Every structure is written in structure tokens, then in C-alpha cells.
């Protein structure tokens, strides 16, 4: 993992918050299928959009995660913001796909994309592994060299 190259930025975020964001994303995706409602996916899509493409300090999920981390009194663990933005952009694209597939009644396809998103988010939540960093390093960075 130390050899991974992520987008360079001086900005940092609390890794504990990003891991809590991943847990909430997992719960929203699962809830969307349990309740058979696209609203959960649309909410997550909007949240990913705010985190990935705007300068808004807190998205709804990030705000909840920050408060949760504060209440649980976890210490801060700084991590670069740029790679988390890249990961949020991947999450946005995947959630857009899930939402469209779900609305087109392509449940199996939506479930497959959701499974991939949940797997990536689970790696982030449980192990702190940023798949967005890996994708950036091995699939995107070589085209810019």
C-alpha cells in the first residue's frame, strides 16, 4: 500500500470519518434493496456528488459520521483528502449506475454493481483500504506519464 501514488493535495480529512462514511454508504445501499426504494440510492448519489464535486464542507453522510466520531470520542487520524475525493467520484459513478439500473427494473445488474460498491466500502470501513487509490495508481496514473 505504501507504494501507491494518490492525487497530491495539502488538504487532509479525518480517516475515522471516511471509514464511518463507508459504513453509512453500505447501510444505505442495503436499505435500498430491503425497502425496494430508489430513494436510498438517490440520497447516496446526492451525497457522493457533494463530496466529489463541490466545496461543501460536510455532506449529510459526512456530517452524521463526524458527529458519530465525536460522540464516540475517537482520535483524529489525518489522511489526504484528494484520494478520498477520487474515491467519492467512483462511488458517485457506481451509485448513478445502481440508480439507473434499479429504475429500469434491472434488479440483478443493480445488485451486482451494488455488491461491488459494498465490497469497496467494506474494505475502506473494516481495513482502511482505499480502492480508489489503487485504481488511480494502476489504471489512471500510467496514462499521465
C-alpha atoms as a PDB file:
ATOM      1  CA  UNK A   1       0.000   0.000   0.000  1.00  0.00           C
ATOM      2  CA  UNK A   2       2.875   2.403   0.669  1.00  0.00           C
ATOM      3  CA  UNK A   3       3.876   2.354  -2.997  1.00  0.00           C
ATOM      4  CA  UNK A   4       0.500   3.698  -4.099  1.00  0.00           C
ATOM      5  CA  UNK A   5       0.509   7.174  -5.561  1.00  0.00           C
ATOM      6  CA  UNK A   6      -2.610   9.225  -4.974  1.00  0.00           C
ATOM      7  CA  UNK A   7      -3.525  12.680  -6.237  1.00  0.00           C
ATOM      8  CA  UNK A   8      -1.371  15.209  -4.383  1.00  0.00           C
ATOM      9  CA  UNK A   9      -3.100  17.667  -2.065  1.00  0.00           C
ATOM     10  CA  UNK A  10      -2.206  19.578   1.063  1.00  0.00           C
ATOM     11  CA  UNK A  11      -5.715  19.107   2.398  1.00  0.00           C
ATOM     12  CA  UNK A  12      -6.407  16.384   4.943  1.00  0.00           C
ATOM     13  CA  UNK A  13      -9.508  14.774   6.382  1.00  0.00           C
ATOM     14  CA  UNK A  14     -10.115  12.512   9.340  1.00  0.00           C
ATOM     15  CA  UNK A  15      -9.803   8.890   8.213  1.00  0.00           C
ATOM     16  CA  UNK A  16     -12.160   7.830  11.005  1.00  0.00           C
ATOM     17  CA  UNK A  17     -14.885   9.951   9.390  1.00  0.00           C
ATOM     18  CA  UNK A  18     -14.243   8.493   5.936  1.00  0.00           C
ATOM     19  CA  UNK A  19     -14.480   4.989   7.348  1.00  0.00           C
ATOM     20  CA  UNK A  20     -17.785   5.872   9.034  1.00  0.00           C
ATOM     21  CA  UNK A  21     -18.947   7.327   5.687  1.00  0.00           C
ATOM     22  CA  UNK A  22     -18.233   3.939   4.130  1.00  0.00           C
ATOM     23  CA  UNK A  23     -20.345   2.180   6.767  1.00  0.00           C
ATOM     24  CA  UNK A  24     -23.269   4.531   6.185  1.00  0.00           C
ATOM     25  CA  UNK A  25     -22.964   4.021   2.409  1.00  0.00           C
ATOM     26  CA  UNK A  26     -23.163   0.258   2.953  1.00  0.00           C
ATOM     27  CA  UNK A  27     -26.252   0.668   5.135  1.00  0.00           C
ATOM     28  CA  UNK A  28     -27.950   2.932   2.569  1.00  0.00           C
ATOM     29  CA  UNK A  29     -27.330   0.505  -0.290  1.00  0.00           C
ATOM     30  CA  UNK A  30     -28.638  -2.430   1.747  1.00  0.00           C
ATOM     31  CA  UNK A  31     -31.665  -0.384   2.851  1.00  0.00           C
ATOM     32  CA  UNK A  32     -32.430   0.481  -0.780  1.00  0.00           C
ATOM     33  CA  UNK A  33     -32.796  -3.201  -1.603  1.00  0.00           C
ATOM     34  CA  UNK A  34     -34.543  -4.176   1.635  1.00  0.00           C
ATOM     35  CA  UNK A  35     -37.182  -1.463   1.211  1.00  0.00           C
ATOM     36  CA  UNK A  36     -37.177  -1.739  -2.596  1.00  0.00           C
ATOM     37  CA  UNK A  37     -36.812   2.031  -2.876  1.00  0.00           C
ATOM     38  CA  UNK A  38     -34.655   4.065  -5.211  1.00  0.00           C
ATOM     39  CA  UNK A  39     -34.775   6.961  -2.711  1.00  0.00           C
ATOM     40  CA  UNK A  40     -31.900   5.481  -0.707  1.00  0.00           C
ATOM     41  CA  UNK A  41     -29.763   5.328  -3.852  1.00  0.00           C
ATOM     42  CA  UNK A  42     -30.743   8.876  -4.881  1.00  0.00           C
ATOM     43  CA  UNK A  43     -29.801  10.164  -1.410  1.00  0.00           C
ATOM     44  CA  UNK A  44     -26.442   8.389  -1.591  1.00  0.00           C
ATOM     45  CA  UNK A  45     -25.920   9.680  -5.146  1.00  0.00           C
ATOM     46  CA  UNK A  46     -26.518  13.271  -3.990  1.00  0.00           C
ATOM     47  CA  UNK A  47     -24.190  12.764  -1.038  1.00  0.00           C
ATOM     48  CA  UNK A  48     -21.404  11.385  -3.238  1.00  0.00           C
ATOM     49  CA  UNK A  49     -21.941  14.330  -5.589  1.00  0.00           C
ATOM     50  CA  UNK A  50     -21.487  16.824  -2.747  1.00  0.00           C
ATOM     51  CA  UNK A  51     -18.314  15.100  -1.540  1.00  0.00           C
ATOM     52  CA  UNK A  52     -16.831  14.566  -5.006  1.00  0.00           C
ATOM     53  CA  UNK A  53     -17.657  17.691  -6.985  1.00  0.00           C
ATOM     54  CA  UNK A  54     -18.337  20.579  -4.590  1.00  0.00           C
ATOM     55  CA  UNK A  55     -16.516  22.560  -1.941  1.00  0.00           C
ATOM     56  CA  UNK A  56     -19.248  21.888   0.646  1.00  0.00           C
ATOM     57  CA  UNK A  57     -17.524  21.114   3.934  1.00  0.00           C
ATOM     58  CA  UNK A  58     -19.989  18.459   5.058  1.00  0.00           C
ATOM     59  CA  UNK A  59     -22.309  16.283   3.057  1.00  0.00           C
ATOM     60  CA  UNK A  60     -25.211  14.821   5.071  1.00  0.00           C
ATOM     61  CA  UNK A  61     -23.388  11.496   5.472  1.00  0.00           C
ATOM     62  CA  UNK A  62     -20.114  13.205   6.415  1.00  0.00           C
ATOM     63  CA  UNK A  63     -21.925  15.376   8.948  1.00  0.00           C
ATOM     64  CA  UNK A  64     -23.529  12.344  10.593  1.00  0.00           C
ATOM     65  CA  UNK A  65     -20.201  10.497  10.528  1.00  0.00           C
ATOM     66  CA  UNK A  66     -18.377  13.462  12.094  1.00  0.00           C
ATOM     67  CA  UNK A  67     -20.913  13.726  14.897  1.00  0.00           C
ATOM     68  CA  UNK A  68     -20.779   9.969  15.465  1.00  0.00           C
ATOM     69  CA  UNK A  69     -16.970  10.011  15.673  1.00  0.00           C
ATOM     70  CA  UNK A  70     -17.116  12.976  18.087  1.00  0.00           C
ATOM     71  CA  UNK A  71     -19.671  11.238  20.318  1.00  0.00           C
ATOM     72  CA  UNK A  72     -17.602   8.062  20.368  1.00  0.00           C
ATOM     73  CA  UNK A  73     -14.554  10.205  21.221  1.00  0.00           C
ATOM     74  CA  UNK A  74     -12.293   8.604  18.597  1.00  0.00           C
ATOM     75  CA  UNK A  75      -8.963  10.296  17.988  1.00  0.00           C
ATOM     76  CA  UNK A  76      -8.359  12.009  14.674  1.00  0.00           C
ATOM     77  CA  UNK A  77      -6.292  10.204  12.065  1.00  0.00           C
ATOM     78  CA  UNK A  78      -5.294  12.501   9.188  1.00  0.00           C
ATOM     79  CA  UNK A  79      -5.331  11.231   5.622  1.00  0.00           C
ATOM     80  CA  UNK A  80      -5.066  13.025   2.286  1.00  0.00           C
ATOM     81  CA  UNK A  81      -8.324  14.466   1.009  1.00  0.00           C
ATOM     82  CA  UNK A  82      -7.550  14.076  -2.701  1.00  0.00           C
ATOM     83  CA  UNK A  83      -7.697  10.291  -2.767  1.00  0.00           C
ATOM     84  CA  UNK A  84     -10.971  10.352  -0.832  1.00  0.00           C
ATOM     85  CA  UNK A  85     -12.405  12.764  -3.404  1.00  0.00           C
ATOM     86  CA  UNK A  86     -11.328  10.402  -6.184  1.00  0.00           C
ATOM     87  CA  UNK A  87     -12.974   7.501  -4.313  1.00  0.00           C
ATOM     88  CA  UNK A  88     -16.151   9.581  -3.874  1.00  0.00           C
ATOM     89  CA  UNK A  89     -16.198  10.160  -7.633  1.00  0.00           C
ATOM     90  CA  UNK A  90     -16.018   6.415  -8.189  1.00  0.00           C
ATOM     91  CA  UNK A  91     -18.816   5.989  -5.649  1.00  0.00           C
ATOM     92  CA  UNK A  92     -20.865   8.602  -7.499  1.00  0.00           C
ATOM     93  CA  UNK A  93     -20.472   6.794 -10.829  1.00  0.00           C
ATOM     94  CA  UNK A  94     -21.326   3.426  -9.282  1.00  0.00           C
ATOM     95  CA  UNK A  95     -24.341   4.825  -7.412  1.00  0.00           C
ATOM     96  CA  UNK A  96     -25.549   6.529 -10.588  1.00  0.00           C
ATOM     97  CA  UNK A  97     -25.357   3.138 -12.304  1.00  0.00           C
ATOM     98  CA  UNK A  98     -27.210   1.455  -9.446  1.00  0.00           C
ATOM     99  CA  UNK A  99     -29.941   4.104  -9.504  1.00  0.00           C
ATOM    100  CA  UNK A 100     -30.463   3.892 -13.272  1.00  0.00           C
ATOM    101  CA  UNK A 101     -30.427   0.083 -13.294  1.00  0.00           C
ATOM    102  CA  UNK A 102     -32.843  -0.015 -10.359  1.00  0.00           C
ATOM    103  CA  UNK A 103     -35.267   2.409 -12.037  1.00  0.00           C
ATOM    104  CA  UNK A 104     -35.103   0.350 -15.259  1.00  0.00           C
ATOM    105  CA  UNK A 105     -36.102  -2.740 -13.238  1.00  0.00           C
ATOM    106  CA  UNK A 106     -32.745  -4.392 -13.938  1.00  0.00           C
ATOM    107  CA  UNK A 107     -32.501  -5.650 -10.392  1.00  0.00           C
ATOM    108  CA  UNK A 108     -29.815  -8.265 -10.948  1.00  0.00           C
ATOM    109  CA  UNK A 109     -27.496  -5.782 -12.660  1.00  0.00           C
ATOM    110  CA  UNK A 110     -28.169  -3.215  -9.927  1.00  0.00           C
ATOM    111  CA  UNK A 111     -27.401  -5.863  -7.317  1.00  0.00           C
ATOM    112  CA  UNK A 112     -24.080  -6.733  -8.998  1.00  0.00           C
ATOM    113  CA  UNK A 113     -22.938  -3.097  -9.111  1.00  0.00           C
ATOM    114  CA  UNK A 114     -24.152  -2.660  -5.529  1.00  0.00           C
ATOM    115  CA  UNK A 115     -22.152  -5.693  -4.469  1.00  0.00           C
ATOM    116  CA  UNK A 116     -19.003  -4.156  -5.918  1.00  0.00           C
ATOM    117  CA  UNK A 117     -19.701  -0.830  -4.198  1.00  0.00           C
ATOM    118  CA  UNK A 118     -20.411  -2.553  -0.887  1.00  0.00           C
ATOM    119  CA  UNK A 119     -17.219  -4.612  -1.243  1.00  0.00           C
ATOM    120  CA  UNK A 120     -15.120  -1.471  -1.840  1.00  0.00           C
ATOM    121  CA  UNK A 121     -16.826   0.369   1.025  1.00  0.00           C
ATOM    122  CA  UNK A 122     -16.330  -2.650   3.302  1.00  0.00           C
ATOM    123  CA  UNK A 123     -12.598  -2.637   2.579  1.00  0.00           C
ATOM    124  CA  UNK A 124     -12.485   1.051   3.486  1.00  0.00           C
ATOM    125  CA  UNK A 125     -14.601   0.643   6.615  1.00  0.00           C
ATOM    126  CA  UNK A 126     -13.076  -2.526   8.030  1.00  0.00           C
ATOM    127  CA  UNK A 127      -9.464  -2.337   6.873  1.00  0.00           C
ATOM    128  CA  UNK A 128      -8.845   1.243   5.777  1.00  0.00           C
ATOM    129  CA  UNK A 129      -8.032   0.084   2.239  1.00  0.00           C
ATOM    130  CA  UNK A 130      -8.800   2.779  -0.318  1.00  0.00           C
ATOM    131  CA  UNK A 131      -9.637   1.052  -3.596  1.00  0.00           C
ATOM    132  CA  UNK A 132      -9.824   4.483  -5.236  1.00  0.00           C
ATOM    133  CA  UNK A 133      -6.094   4.900  -4.531  1.00  0.00           C
ATOM    134  CA  UNK A 134      -5.351   1.554  -6.122  1.00  0.00           C
ATOM    135  CA  UNK A 135      -7.414   2.336  -9.211  1.00  0.00           C
ATOM    136  CA  UNK A 136      -5.776   5.740  -9.550  1.00  0.00           C
ATOM    137  CA  UNK A 137      -2.269   4.296  -9.207  1.00  0.00           C
ATOM    138  CA  UNK A 138      -2.586   1.353 -11.562  1.00  0.00           C
ATOM    139  CA  UNK A 139      -5.227   2.391 -14.099  1.00  0.00           C
ATOM    140  CA  UNK A 140      -5.132   6.184 -14.373  1.00  0.00           C
ATOM    141  CA  UNK A 141      -1.641   7.369 -13.439  1.00  0.00           C
ATOM    142  CA  UNK A 142       0.110   5.311 -16.185  1.00  0.00           C
ATOM    143  CA  UNK A 143      -1.788   7.277 -18.853  1.00  0.00           C
ATOM    144  CA  UNK A 144      -0.463  10.569 -17.483  1.00  0.00           C
ATOM    145  CA  UNK A 145       3.201   9.562 -17.542  1.00  0.00           C
END
